[in-house]
Amino acid sequence: MNMSNIDATIQYYNQNAKDFYTDTVSGDMSTLLDRFLSYLEENAYILDFGCGSGRDTKYFLEKGYLLDAVDGSAEMCRIASRLTGIEVRHMYFHELEEKDKYDGIWACASILHVPYESMVAILQKLYEALKDDGVLYLSFKYGDFEGMRNGRWFTNMNEDRINRLLCDVPLFVVMEMWTTQDVRPDRKDEKWLNCILKKRK
């Protein structure tokens, strides 16, 4: 994994945490969140993997779910902890070492900051962290661009790219795959690829 690109991305979020929080915290994600939750039982244990502002963690908590939340940016962790009232753990994605712990993992606009060549290793860790029949949500900016843009690394995905990746990691069953517009009013021209995957037995 090229840590220089990862470190540059983390530094971007540390330096721009307040602006990022303001830009994202009020976005209405309820349709996507509820679609993910429809696969889980009440009181399920969820990991918000790259929680950013803490917006989605707060939604899950208010619905009565058990939550762990992590982020690679120490400054985002502080902001998200204040918003949610729980301790958000500072952790890089490749440091995940949990085994059979979570009913669901929510990775919304997070692992898109991982280079494509490193995705297999991250998906393996997510697989191991899920319980049997656990559910994983992923979202990516739509397309095939990969590289640094505006101070951050992005790995965009379209249907072909994500399907190739999942063939390389035959650990999940695809339950749903669909595209959406960005929920931020000033970015409605941006398109996202959403995936709900189930851990393969």
N, C-alpha and C. Protein backbone atom coordinates (compact mmCIF):
# COMPACT_ATOMS: atom_id res chain seq x y z
N MET A 1 0.85 -1.20 0.00
CA MET A 1 0.00 0.00 0.00
C MET A 1 0.88 1.25 0.00
N ASN A 2 0.61 2.17 -0.90
CA ASN A 2 1.39 3.40 -1.00
C ASN A 2 0.95 4.37 0.09
N MET A 3 1.70 4.38 1.18
CA MET A 3 1.29 5.18 2.33
C MET A 3 1.45 6.67 2.08
N SER A 4 2.27 7.08 1.11
CA SER A 4 2.41 8.52 0.86
C SER A 4 1.09 9.11 0.38
N ASN A 5 0.37 8.38 -0.48
CA ASN A 5 -0.94 8.85 -0.94
C ASN A 5 -1.97 8.81 0.18
N ILE A 6 -1.91 7.76 0.99
CA ILE A 6 -2.81 7.66 2.14
C ILE A 6 -2.55 8.80 3.12
N ASP A 7 -1.27 9.02 3.43
CA ASP A 7 -0.92 10.07 4.38
C ASP A 7 -1.34 11.45 3.87
N ALA A 8 -1.19 11.69 2.58
CA ALA A 8 -1.60 12.98 2.02
C ALA A 8 -3.11 13.16 2.14
N THR A 9 -3.87 12.09 1.94
CA THR A 9 -5.32 12.16 2.06
C THR A 9 -5.73 12.41 3.50
N ILE A 10 -5.09 11.71 4.43
CA ILE A 10 -5.38 11.92 5.85
C ILE A 10 -5.05 13.35 6.25
N GLN A 11 -3.93 13.85 5.77
CA GLN A 11 -3.54 15.22 6.09
C GLN A 11 -4.57 16.21 5.56
N TYR A 12 -5.11 15.95 4.38
CA TYR A 12 -6.16 16.81 3.83
C TYR A 12 -7.33 16.89 4.81
N TYR A 13 -7.79 15.75 5.31
CA TYR A 13 -8.94 15.75 6.22
C TYR A 13 -8.60 16.39 7.56
N ASN A 14 -7.38 16.21 8.04
CA ASN A 14 -7.01 16.88 9.29
C ASN A 14 -7.03 18.40 9.12
N GLN A 15 -6.58 18.87 7.96
CA GLN A 15 -6.50 20.31 7.73
C GLN A 15 -7.85 20.92 7.36
N ASN A 16 -8.76 20.12 6.82
CA ASN A 16 -10.04 20.65 6.32
C ASN A 16 -11.23 20.05 7.06
N ALA A 17 -11.01 19.54 8.26
CA ALA A 17 -12.05 18.80 8.98
C ALA A 17 -13.30 19.64 9.22
N LYS A 18 -13.13 20.88 9.63
CA LYS A 18 -14.30 21.71 9.94
C LYS A 18 -15.12 21.98 8.68
N ASP A 19 -14.44 22.29 7.58
CA ASP A 19 -15.16 22.54 6.33
C ASP A 19 -15.85 21.28 5.84
N PHE A 20 -15.18 20.13 5.95
CA PHE A 20 -15.77 18.87 5.52
C PHE A 20 -17.00 18.54 6.37
N TYR A 21 -16.89 18.77 7.66
CA TYR A 21 -18.02 18.55 8.57
C TYR A 21 -19.22 19.40 8.13
N THR A 22 -18.99 20.68 7.92
CA THR A 22 -20.06 21.59 7.52
C THR A 22 -20.69 21.17 6.20
N ASP A 23 -19.86 20.68 5.30
CA ASP A 23 -20.32 20.32 3.95
C ASP A 23 -21.14 19.03 3.93
N THR A 24 -20.90 18.15 4.89
CA THR A 24 -21.50 16.81 4.81
C THR A 24 -22.49 16.47 5.91
N VAL A 25 -22.40 17.12 7.06
CA VAL A 25 -23.16 16.64 8.23
C VAL A 25 -24.67 16.70 8.04
N SER A 26 -25.16 17.64 7.23
CA SER A 26 -26.60 17.79 7.06
C SER A 26 -27.15 17.07 5.84
N GLY A 27 -26.30 16.35 5.11
CA GLY A 27 -26.77 15.62 3.94
C GLY A 27 -27.77 14.54 4.33
N ASP A 28 -28.89 14.49 3.62
CA ASP A 28 -29.94 13.51 3.94
C ASP A 28 -29.60 12.17 3.30
N MET A 29 -29.08 11.27 4.13
CA MET A 29 -28.69 9.94 3.67
C MET A 29 -29.70 8.88 4.09
N SER A 30 -30.86 9.28 4.58
CA SER A 30 -31.79 8.35 5.21
C SER A 30 -32.23 7.22 4.27
N THR A 31 -32.42 7.53 3.00
CA THR A 31 -32.85 6.48 2.06
C THR A 31 -31.81 5.38 1.96
N LEU A 32 -30.55 5.76 1.83
CA LEU A 32 -29.46 4.77 1.74
C LEU A 32 -29.26 4.05 3.07
N LEU A 33 -29.30 4.80 4.15
CA LEU A 33 -29.11 4.20 5.47
C LEU A 33 -30.20 3.17 5.76
N ASP A 34 -31.43 3.53 5.47
CA ASP A 34 -32.53 2.61 5.74
C ASP A 34 -32.48 1.38 4.82
N ARG A 35 -31.99 1.56 3.61
CA ARG A 35 -31.86 0.42 2.70
C ARG A 35 -30.84 -0.59 3.26
N PHE A 36 -29.75 -0.09 3.79
CA PHE A 36 -28.75 -0.94 4.45
C PHE A 36 -29.35 -1.60 5.69
N LEU A 37 -30.04 -0.83 6.51
CA LEU A 37 -30.60 -1.36 7.76
C LEU A 37 -31.67 -2.41 7.53
N SER A 38 -32.29 -2.40 6.35
CA SER A 38 -33.32 -3.40 6.07
C SER A 38 -32.75 -4.82 6.03
N TYR A 39 -31.45 -4.94 5.91
CA TYR A 39 -30.79 -6.25 5.91
C TYR A 39 -30.39 -6.71 7.31
N LEU A 40 -30.58 -5.85 8.32
CA LEU A 40 -30.10 -6.14 9.67
C LEU A 40 -31.26 -6.31 10.64
N GLU A 41 -30.99 -7.05 11.71
CA GLU A 41 -31.95 -7.20 12.79
C GLU A 41 -31.88 -5.99 13.71
N GLU A 42 -32.94 -5.80 14.51
CA GLU A 42 -32.90 -4.75 15.52
C GLU A 42 -31.73 -5.00 16.47
N ASN A 43 -31.13 -3.93 16.95
CA ASN A 43 -30.00 -4.00 17.89
C ASN A 43 -28.76 -4.65 17.29
N ALA A 44 -28.66 -4.68 15.97
CA ALA A 44 -27.47 -5.23 15.32
C ALA A 44 -26.25 -4.39 15.67
N TYR A 45 -25.08 -5.00 15.54
CA TYR A 45 -23.81 -4.36 15.85
C TYR A 45 -23.19 -3.90 14.52
N ILE A 46 -22.98 -2.59 14.39
CA ILE A 46 -22.51 -1.98 13.14
C ILE A 46 -21.16 -1.32 13.35
N LEU A 47 -20.30 -1.44 12.36
CA LEU A 47 -19.07 -0.68 12.30
C LEU A 47 -19.21 0.38 11.21
N ASP A 48 -19.06 1.65 11.59
CA ASP A 48 -18.99 2.74 10.60
C ASP A 48 -17.52 2.91 10.26
N PHE A 49 -17.14 2.44 9.09
CA PHE A 49 -15.75 2.29 8.70
C PHE A 49 -15.33 3.48 7.86
N GLY A 50 -14.75 4.47 8.54
CA GLY A 50 -14.44 5.75 7.90
C GLY A 50 -15.62 6.68 8.05
N CYS A 51 -15.91 7.06 9.29
CA CYS A 51 -17.19 7.72 9.62
C CYS A 51 -17.23 9.20 9.29
N GLY A 52 -16.07 9.81 8.99
CA GLY A 52 -16.08 11.24 8.65
C GLY A 52 -16.68 12.09 9.75
N SER A 53 -17.70 12.85 9.41
CA SER A 53 -18.31 13.79 10.36
C SER A 53 -19.04 13.09 11.50
N GLY A 54 -19.36 11.81 11.33
CA GLY A 54 -20.15 11.10 12.33
C GLY A 54 -21.64 11.14 12.05
N ARG A 55 -22.03 11.73 10.94
CA ARG A 55 -23.44 11.88 10.57
C ARG A 55 -24.17 10.54 10.57
N ASP A 56 -23.60 9.54 9.93
CA ASP A 56 -24.28 8.26 9.80
C ASP A 56 -24.24 7.46 11.10
N THR A 57 -23.12 7.57 11.82
CA THR A 57 -23.04 6.94 13.14
C THR A 57 -24.16 7.45 14.04
N LYS A 58 -24.37 8.75 14.03
CA LYS A 58 -25.43 9.35 14.85
C LYS A 58 -26.80 8.80 14.46
N TYR A 59 -27.04 8.64 13.18
CA TYR A 59 -28.32 8.10 12.69
C TYR A 59 -28.52 6.68 13.20
N PHE A 60 -27.49 5.85 13.09
CA PHE A 60 -27.60 4.48 13.56
C PHE A 60 -27.86 4.43 15.07
N LEU A 61 -27.15 5.25 15.82
CA LEU A 61 -27.33 5.28 17.27
C LEU A 61 -28.75 5.69 17.64
N GLU A 62 -29.27 6.69 16.95
CA GLU A 62 -30.63 7.15 17.24
C GLU A 62 -31.68 6.09 16.91
N LYS A 63 -31.33 5.14 16.03
CA LYS A 63 -32.23 4.04 15.68
C LYS A 63 -32.07 2.85 16.63
N GLY A 64 -31.16 2.97 17.59
CA GLY A 64 -31.02 1.93 18.60
C GLY A 64 -29.99 0.85 18.29
N TYR A 65 -29.14 1.07 17.30
CA TYR A 65 -28.14 0.06 16.96
C TYR A 65 -26.88 0.23 17.81
N LEU A 66 -26.15 -0.87 17.96
CA LEU A 66 -24.86 -0.83 18.64
C LEU A 66 -23.81 -0.39 17.62
N LEU A 67 -22.89 0.47 18.02
CA LEU A 67 -21.99 1.09 17.06
C LEU A 67 -20.55 1.12 17.52
N ASP A 68 -19.67 0.84 16.58
CA ASP A 68 -18.27 1.25 16.65
C ASP A 68 -18.05 2.15 15.44
N ALA A 69 -17.23 3.17 15.62
CA ALA A 69 -16.92 4.07 14.52
C ALA A 69 -15.43 4.35 14.51
N VAL A 70 -14.85 4.36 13.31
CA VAL A 70 -13.42 4.61 13.17
C VAL A 70 -13.20 5.58 12.01
N ASP A 71 -12.06 6.27 12.06
CA ASP A 71 -11.67 7.13 10.95
C ASP A 71 -10.15 7.29 10.99
N GLY A 72 -9.57 7.52 9.82
CA GLY A 72 -8.13 7.68 9.74
C GLY A 72 -7.64 9.07 10.11
N SER A 73 -8.53 10.04 10.14
CA SER A 73 -8.18 11.42 10.47
C SER A 73 -8.44 11.68 11.95
N ALA A 74 -7.39 12.02 12.68
CA ALA A 74 -7.56 12.28 14.12
C ALA A 74 -8.51 13.46 14.36
N GLU A 75 -8.45 14.46 13.50
CA GLU A 75 -9.32 15.62 13.68
C GLU A 75 -10.77 15.27 13.40
N MET A 76 -11.02 14.45 12.38
CA MET A 76 -12.39 14.01 12.13
C MET A 76 -12.90 13.15 13.28
N CYS A 77 -12.04 12.35 13.88
CA CYS A 77 -12.45 11.54 15.04
C CYS A 77 -12.92 12.43 16.18
N ARG A 78 -12.21 13.51 16.43
CA ARG A 78 -12.61 14.42 17.51
C ARG A 78 -13.96 15.06 17.21
N ILE A 79 -14.15 15.50 15.99
CA ILE A 79 -15.42 16.14 15.61
C ILE A 79 -16.56 15.13 15.67
N ALA A 80 -16.35 13.94 15.14
CA ALA A 80 -17.40 12.92 15.14
C ALA A 80 -17.73 12.45 16.55
N SER A 81 -16.74 12.39 17.42
CA SER A 81 -16.99 12.00 18.81
C SER A 81 -17.89 13.02 19.51
N ARG A 82 -17.65 14.30 19.23
CA ARG A 82 -18.51 15.34 19.83
C ARG A 82 -19.94 15.23 19.31
N LEU A 83 -20.09 14.97 18.04
CA LEU A 83 -21.42 14.89 17.45
C LEU A 83 -22.20 13.68 17.96
N THR A 84 -21.53 12.55 18.07
CA THR A 84 -22.23 11.29 18.34
C THR A 84 -22.31 10.93 19.82
N GLY A 85 -21.40 11.47 20.62
CA GLY A 85 -21.39 11.11 22.04
C GLY A 85 -20.69 9.80 22.34
N ILE A 86 -20.08 9.18 21.32
CA ILE A 86 -19.29 7.97 21.56
C ILE A 86 -17.86 8.25 21.14
N GLU A 87 -16.95 7.43 21.62
CA GLU A 87 -15.55 7.60 21.24
C GLU A 87 -15.32 7.00 19.85
N VAL A 88 -14.94 7.84 18.92
CA VAL A 88 -14.61 7.39 17.58
C VAL A 88 -13.11 7.08 17.55
N ARG A 89 -12.79 5.85 17.18
CA ARG A 89 -11.40 5.38 17.25
C ARG A 89 -10.61 5.84 16.04
N HIS A 90 -9.41 6.35 16.32
CA HIS A 90 -8.49 6.77 15.25
C HIS A 90 -7.77 5.53 14.73
N MET A 91 -7.99 5.18 13.46
CA MET A 91 -7.44 3.95 12.92
C MET A 91 -7.37 4.02 11.40
N TYR A 92 -6.26 3.58 10.83
CA TYR A 92 -6.18 3.41 9.38
C TYR A 92 -6.92 2.13 8.99
N PHE A 93 -7.41 2.10 7.76
CA PHE A 93 -8.22 0.97 7.32
C PHE A 93 -7.47 -0.36 7.42
N HIS A 94 -6.18 -0.37 7.06
CA HIS A 94 -5.43 -1.62 7.05
C HIS A 94 -5.14 -2.13 8.46
N GLU A 95 -5.47 -1.33 9.48
CA GLU A 95 -5.24 -1.74 10.87
C GLU A 95 -6.42 -2.51 11.47
N LEU A 96 -7.49 -2.68 10.72
CA LEU A 96 -8.66 -3.42 11.21
C LEU A 96 -8.25 -4.88 11.44
N GLU A 97 -8.49 -5.37 12.68
CA GLU A 97 -8.11 -6.74 13.01
C GLU A 97 -9.24 -7.51 13.69
N GLU A 98 -10.47 -6.99 13.67
CA GLU A 98 -11.58 -7.66 14.34
C GLU A 98 -11.95 -8.94 13.59
N LYS A 99 -12.46 -9.91 14.34
CA LYS A 99 -12.87 -11.19 13.76
C LYS A 99 -14.31 -11.51 14.17
N ASP A 100 -15.17 -11.77 13.18
CA ASP A 100 -16.55 -12.23 13.44
C ASP A 100 -17.28 -11.36 14.47
N LYS A 101 -17.16 -10.06 14.35
CA LYS A 101 -17.69 -9.15 15.38
C LYS A 101 -18.96 -8.42 14.96
N TYR A 102 -19.07 -8.02 13.70
CA TYR A 102 -20.12 -7.09 13.30
C TYR A 102 -21.19 -7.76 12.45
N ASP A 103 -22.43 -7.34 12.69
CA ASP A 103 -23.54 -7.76 11.83
C ASP A 103 -23.55 -6.98 10.52
N GLY A 104 -23.09 -5.75 10.58
CA GLY A 104 -23.04 -4.90 9.39
C GLY A 104 -21.86 -3.95 9.44
N ILE A 105 -21.31 -3.67 8.28
CA ILE A 105 -20.25 -2.66 8.17
C ILE A 105 -20.68 -1.65 7.11
N TRP A 106 -20.64 -0.39 7.51
CA TRP A 106 -21.03 0.73 6.66
C TRP A 106 -19.76 1.47 6.25
N ALA A 107 -19.39 1.34 4.98
CA ALA A 107 -18.19 1.99 4.47
C ALA A 107 -18.61 2.96 3.36
N CYS A 108 -19.17 4.07 3.80
CA CYS A 108 -19.75 5.06 2.89
C CYS A 108 -18.69 6.08 2.50
N ALA A 109 -18.37 6.12 1.21
CA ALA A 109 -17.40 7.10 0.69
C ALA A 109 -16.11 7.09 1.49
N SER A 110 -15.66 5.90 1.85
CA SER A 110 -14.46 5.80 2.68
C SER A 110 -13.34 5.03 1.98
N ILE A 111 -13.59 3.76 1.63
CA ILE A 111 -12.48 3.02 1.02
C ILE A 111 -12.22 3.45 -0.42
N LEU A 112 -13.00 4.41 -0.91
CA LEU A 112 -12.65 5.02 -2.19
C LEU A 112 -11.32 5.75 -2.12
N HIS A 113 -10.80 5.97 -0.90
CA HIS A 113 -9.49 6.59 -0.73
C HIS A 113 -8.36 5.57 -0.70
N VAL A 114 -8.69 4.30 -0.92
CA VAL A 114 -7.70 3.22 -0.97
C VAL A 114 -7.34 2.93 -2.43
N PRO A 115 -6.06 2.83 -2.77
CA PRO A 115 -5.70 2.46 -4.15
C PRO A 115 -6.32 1.12 -4.53
N TYR A 116 -6.68 0.98 -5.80
CA TYR A 116 -7.33 -0.24 -6.28
C TYR A 116 -6.50 -1.47 -5.93
N GLU A 117 -5.18 -1.36 -6.07
CA GLU A 117 -4.29 -2.50 -5.82
C GLU A 117 -4.33 -2.97 -4.37
N SER A 118 -4.82 -2.11 -3.47
CA SER A 118 -4.89 -2.46 -2.05
C SER A 118 -6.28 -2.87 -1.60
N MET A 119 -7.25 -2.80 -2.51
CA MET A 119 -8.65 -3.09 -2.14
C MET A 119 -8.84 -4.54 -1.69
N VAL A 120 -8.14 -5.48 -2.34
CA VAL A 120 -8.32 -6.89 -1.99
C VAL A 120 -8.01 -7.12 -0.51
N ALA A 121 -6.91 -6.55 -0.04
CA ALA A 121 -6.51 -6.73 1.36
C ALA A 121 -7.53 -6.09 2.30
N ILE A 122 -8.07 -4.93 1.94
CA ILE A 122 -9.05 -4.27 2.80
C ILE A 122 -10.35 -5.06 2.83
N LEU A 123 -10.80 -5.55 1.68
CA LEU A 123 -12.03 -6.35 1.64
C LEU A 123 -11.88 -7.64 2.44
N GLN A 124 -10.69 -8.22 2.42
CA GLN A 124 -10.43 -9.41 3.23
C GLN A 124 -10.61 -9.10 4.71
N LYS A 125 -10.11 -7.95 5.15
CA LYS A 125 -10.25 -7.55 6.55
C LYS A 125 -11.72 -7.29 6.91
N LEU A 126 -12.46 -6.67 6.01
CA LEU A 126 -13.87 -6.42 6.26
C LEU A 126 -14.64 -7.74 6.34
N TYR A 127 -14.31 -8.67 5.47
CA TYR A 127 -14.92 -9.99 5.49
C TYR A 127 -14.69 -10.67 6.84
N GLU A 128 -13.47 -10.64 7.31
CA GLU A 128 -13.13 -11.30 8.57
C GLU A 128 -13.80 -10.63 9.76
N ALA A 129 -14.03 -9.32 9.67
CA ALA A 129 -14.67 -8.60 10.78
C ALA A 129 -16.17 -8.85 10.88
N LEU A 130 -16.78 -9.32 9.78
CA LEU A 130 -18.21 -9.58 9.77
C LEU A 130 -18.54 -10.95 10.36
N LYS A 131 -19.68 -11.04 11.02
CA LYS A 131 -20.22 -12.33 11.43
C LYS A 131 -20.73 -13.07 10.20
N ASP A 132 -21.06 -14.35 10.37
CA ASP A 132 -21.67 -15.10 9.28
C ASP A 132 -22.93 -14.39 8.81
N ASP A 133 -23.10 -14.28 7.50
CA ASP A 133 -24.23 -13.58 6.88
C ASP A 133 -24.21 -12.08 7.13
N GLY A 134 -23.07 -11.55 7.60
CA GLY A 134 -22.96 -10.11 7.81
C GLY A 134 -23.07 -9.35 6.49
N VAL A 135 -23.43 -8.09 6.59
CA VAL A 135 -23.72 -7.27 5.42
C VAL A 135 -22.75 -6.09 5.36
N LEU A 136 -22.26 -5.82 4.15
CA LEU A 136 -21.31 -4.73 3.92
C LEU A 136 -21.89 -3.76 2.90
N TYR A 137 -21.86 -2.47 3.25
CA TYR A 137 -22.24 -1.42 2.30
C TYR A 137 -20.99 -0.67 1.88
N LEU A 138 -20.84 -0.47 0.57
CA LEU A 138 -19.74 0.30 0.01
C LEU A 138 -20.29 1.36 -0.93
N SER A 139 -19.63 2.51 -1.00
CA SER A 139 -19.99 3.49 -2.02
C SER A 139 -18.74 4.18 -2.55
N PHE A 140 -18.78 4.46 -3.85
CA PHE A 140 -17.65 5.06 -4.56
C PHE A 140 -18.16 6.14 -5.51
N LYS A 141 -17.34 7.14 -5.74
CA LYS A 141 -17.63 8.04 -6.86
C LYS A 141 -17.65 7.21 -8.14
N TYR A 142 -18.58 7.52 -9.01
CA TYR A 142 -18.78 6.69 -10.20
C TYR A 142 -17.77 7.04 -11.29
N GLY A 143 -17.18 6.01 -11.87
CA GLY A 143 -16.27 6.21 -12.98
C GLY A 143 -15.08 5.28 -12.91
N ASP A 144 -14.01 5.60 -13.64
CA ASP A 144 -12.83 4.75 -13.64
C ASP A 144 -11.55 5.54 -13.33
N PHE A 145 -11.71 6.75 -12.84
CA PHE A 145 -10.54 7.56 -12.46
C PHE A 145 -9.86 6.95 -11.23
N GLU A 146 -8.52 7.01 -11.22
CA GLU A 146 -7.77 6.66 -10.02
C GLU A 146 -6.56 7.56 -9.93
N GLY A 147 -6.41 8.22 -8.78
CA GLY A 147 -5.26 9.08 -8.58
C GLY A 147 -5.56 10.20 -7.60
N MET A 148 -4.61 11.13 -7.46
CA MET A 148 -4.78 12.27 -6.56
C MET A 148 -5.63 13.33 -7.24
N ARG A 149 -6.56 13.86 -6.49
CA ARG A 149 -7.41 14.94 -6.98
C ARG A 149 -7.74 15.85 -5.81
N ASN A 150 -7.41 17.14 -5.95
CA ASN A 150 -7.70 18.13 -4.90
C ASN A 150 -7.17 17.68 -3.54
N GLY A 151 -5.96 17.13 -3.53
CA GLY A 151 -5.30 16.79 -2.28
C GLY A 151 -5.63 15.44 -1.69
N ARG A 152 -6.49 14.66 -2.38
CA ARG A 152 -6.90 13.35 -1.87
C ARG A 152 -6.76 12.29 -2.95
N TRP A 153 -6.51 11.06 -2.52
CA TRP A 153 -6.51 9.93 -3.43
C TRP A 153 -7.93 9.44 -3.63
N PHE A 154 -8.32 9.19 -4.86
CA PHE A 154 -9.64 8.63 -5.17
C PHE A 154 -9.48 7.41 -6.07
N THR A 155 -10.20 6.36 -5.73
CA THR A 155 -10.37 5.21 -6.61
C THR A 155 -11.86 5.14 -6.94
N ASN A 156 -12.21 5.62 -8.12
CA ASN A 156 -13.61 5.59 -8.54
C ASN A 156 -13.97 4.18 -9.03
N MET A 157 -15.25 3.88 -9.03
CA MET A 157 -15.72 2.56 -9.46
C MET A 157 -16.93 2.71 -10.37
N ASN A 158 -16.96 1.87 -11.39
CA ASN A 158 -18.19 1.64 -12.14
C ASN A 158 -18.53 0.15 -12.02
N GLU A 159 -19.57 -0.28 -12.68
CA GLU A 159 -20.00 -1.68 -12.51
C GLU A 159 -18.91 -2.66 -12.94
N ASP A 160 -18.22 -2.37 -14.04
CA ASP A 160 -17.18 -3.29 -14.52
C ASP A 160 -16.03 -3.40 -13.52
N ARG A 161 -15.59 -2.27 -13.01
CA ARG A 161 -14.45 -2.28 -12.08
C ARG A 161 -14.79 -3.00 -10.79
N ILE A 162 -15.96 -2.72 -10.22
CA ILE A 162 -16.31 -3.36 -8.94
C ILE A 162 -16.53 -4.85 -9.13
N ASN A 163 -17.10 -5.24 -10.27
CA ASN A 163 -17.30 -6.67 -10.51
C ASN A 163 -15.98 -7.40 -10.70
N ARG A 164 -15.01 -6.76 -11.35
CA ARG A 164 -13.68 -7.37 -11.46
C ARG A 164 -13.05 -7.54 -10.09
N LEU A 165 -13.19 -6.51 -9.26
CA LEU A 165 -12.64 -6.58 -7.91
C LEU A 165 -13.28 -7.70 -7.11
N LEU A 166 -14.59 -7.83 -7.20
CA LEU A 166 -15.29 -8.86 -6.42
C LEU A 166 -15.00 -10.26 -6.95
N CYS A 167 -14.64 -10.36 -8.22
CA CYS A 167 -14.18 -11.65 -8.74
C CYS A 167 -12.83 -12.03 -8.15
N ASP A 168 -11.99 -11.01 -7.91
CA ASP A 168 -10.69 -11.24 -7.29
C ASP A 168 -10.82 -11.56 -5.80
N VAL A 169 -11.94 -11.16 -5.22
CA VAL A 169 -12.20 -11.39 -3.79
C VAL A 169 -13.55 -12.12 -3.69
N PRO A 170 -13.59 -13.42 -3.97
CA PRO A 170 -14.88 -14.14 -4.01
C PRO A 170 -15.40 -14.47 -2.61
N LEU A 171 -15.49 -13.42 -1.80
CA LEU A 171 -15.88 -13.58 -0.40
C LEU A 171 -17.29 -13.09 -0.12
N PHE A 172 -17.88 -12.40 -1.10
CA PHE A 172 -19.17 -11.76 -0.88
C PHE A 172 -20.15 -12.11 -1.99
N VAL A 173 -21.42 -12.11 -1.61
CA VAL A 173 -22.52 -12.22 -2.57
C VAL A 173 -23.09 -10.82 -2.78
N VAL A 174 -23.24 -10.41 -4.02
CA VAL A 174 -23.81 -9.08 -4.31
C VAL A 174 -25.32 -9.15 -4.13
N MET A 175 -25.82 -8.37 -3.19
CA MET A 175 -27.26 -8.31 -2.96
C MET A 175 -27.91 -7.22 -3.81
N GLU A 176 -27.25 -6.07 -3.90
CA GLU A 176 -27.76 -4.94 -4.68
C GLU A 176 -26.59 -4.10 -5.17
N MET A 177 -26.78 -3.48 -6.32
CA MET A 177 -25.82 -2.52 -6.84
C MET A 177 -26.61 -1.47 -7.62
N TRP A 178 -26.43 -0.20 -7.29
CA TRP A 178 -27.21 0.85 -7.94
C TRP A 178 -26.47 2.18 -7.88
N THR A 179 -26.90 3.13 -8.69
CA THR A 179 -26.27 4.45 -8.70
C THR A 179 -27.23 5.50 -8.14
N THR A 180 -26.63 6.54 -7.55
CA THR A 180 -27.41 7.64 -6.98
C THR A 180 -26.69 8.96 -7.28
N GLN A 181 -27.44 10.05 -7.13
CA GLN A 181 -26.85 11.38 -7.18
C GLN A 181 -26.29 11.73 -5.81
N ASP A 182 -25.33 12.64 -5.79
CA ASP A 182 -24.82 13.16 -4.53
C ASP A 182 -25.94 13.87 -3.78
N VAL A 183 -26.00 13.68 -2.46
CA VAL A 183 -27.08 14.29 -1.67
C VAL A 183 -26.85 15.77 -1.41
N ARG A 184 -25.63 16.26 -1.66
CA ARG A 184 -25.35 17.68 -1.45
C ARG A 184 -25.91 18.49 -2.62
N PRO A 185 -26.73 19.50 -2.36
CA PRO A 185 -27.42 20.24 -3.42
C PRO A 185 -26.49 20.81 -4.48
N ASP A 186 -25.29 21.21 -4.09
CA ASP A 186 -24.36 21.81 -5.05
C ASP A 186 -23.58 20.77 -5.83
N ARG A 187 -23.85 19.48 -5.59
CA ARG A 187 -23.09 18.42 -6.28
C ARG A 187 -24.02 17.38 -6.90
N LYS A 188 -25.20 17.80 -7.27
CA LYS A 188 -26.17 16.84 -7.81
C LYS A 188 -25.74 16.24 -9.14
N ASP A 189 -24.75 16.85 -9.79
CA ASP A 189 -24.24 16.29 -11.04
C ASP A 189 -23.29 15.12 -10.80
N GLU A 190 -22.86 14.94 -9.53
CA GLU A 190 -21.94 13.85 -9.22
C GLU A 190 -22.74 12.57 -8.99
N LYS A 191 -22.19 11.47 -9.49
CA LYS A 191 -22.87 10.18 -9.44
C LYS A 191 -22.07 9.22 -8.54
N TRP A 192 -22.80 8.38 -7.79
CA TRP A 192 -22.18 7.43 -6.88
C TRP A 192 -22.63 6.01 -7.20
N LEU A 193 -21.71 5.07 -7.01
CA LEU A 193 -22.03 3.65 -7.12
C LEU A 193 -22.17 3.08 -5.72
N ASN A 194 -23.31 2.45 -5.45
CA ASN A 194 -23.61 1.87 -4.13
C ASN A 194 -23.69 0.35 -4.26
N CYS A 195 -23.16 -0.36 -3.27
CA CYS A 195 -23.20 -1.82 -3.27
C CYS A 195 -23.57 -2.32 -1.88
N ILE A 196 -24.45 -3.29 -1.82
CA ILE A 196 -24.71 -4.03 -0.60
C ILE A 196 -24.29 -5.48 -0.85
N LEU A 197 -23.36 -5.96 -0.04
CA LEU A 197 -22.79 -7.29 -0.18
C LEU A 197 -23.06 -8.10 1.08
N LYS A 198 -23.20 -9.40 0.92
CA LYS A 198 -23.37 -10.28 2.07
C LYS A 198 -22.18 -11.23 2.14
N LYS A 199 -21.70 -11.46 3.35
CA LYS A 199 -20.58 -12.37 3.56
C LYS A 199 -20.93 -13.76 3.09
N ARG A 200 -20.08 -14.31 2.24
CA ARG A 200 -20.31 -15.64 1.70
C ARG A 200 -19.88 -16.69 2.74
N LYS A 201 -20.69 -17.69 2.95
CA LYS A 201 -20.36 -18.72 3.93
C LYS A 201 -19.27 -19.63 3.38
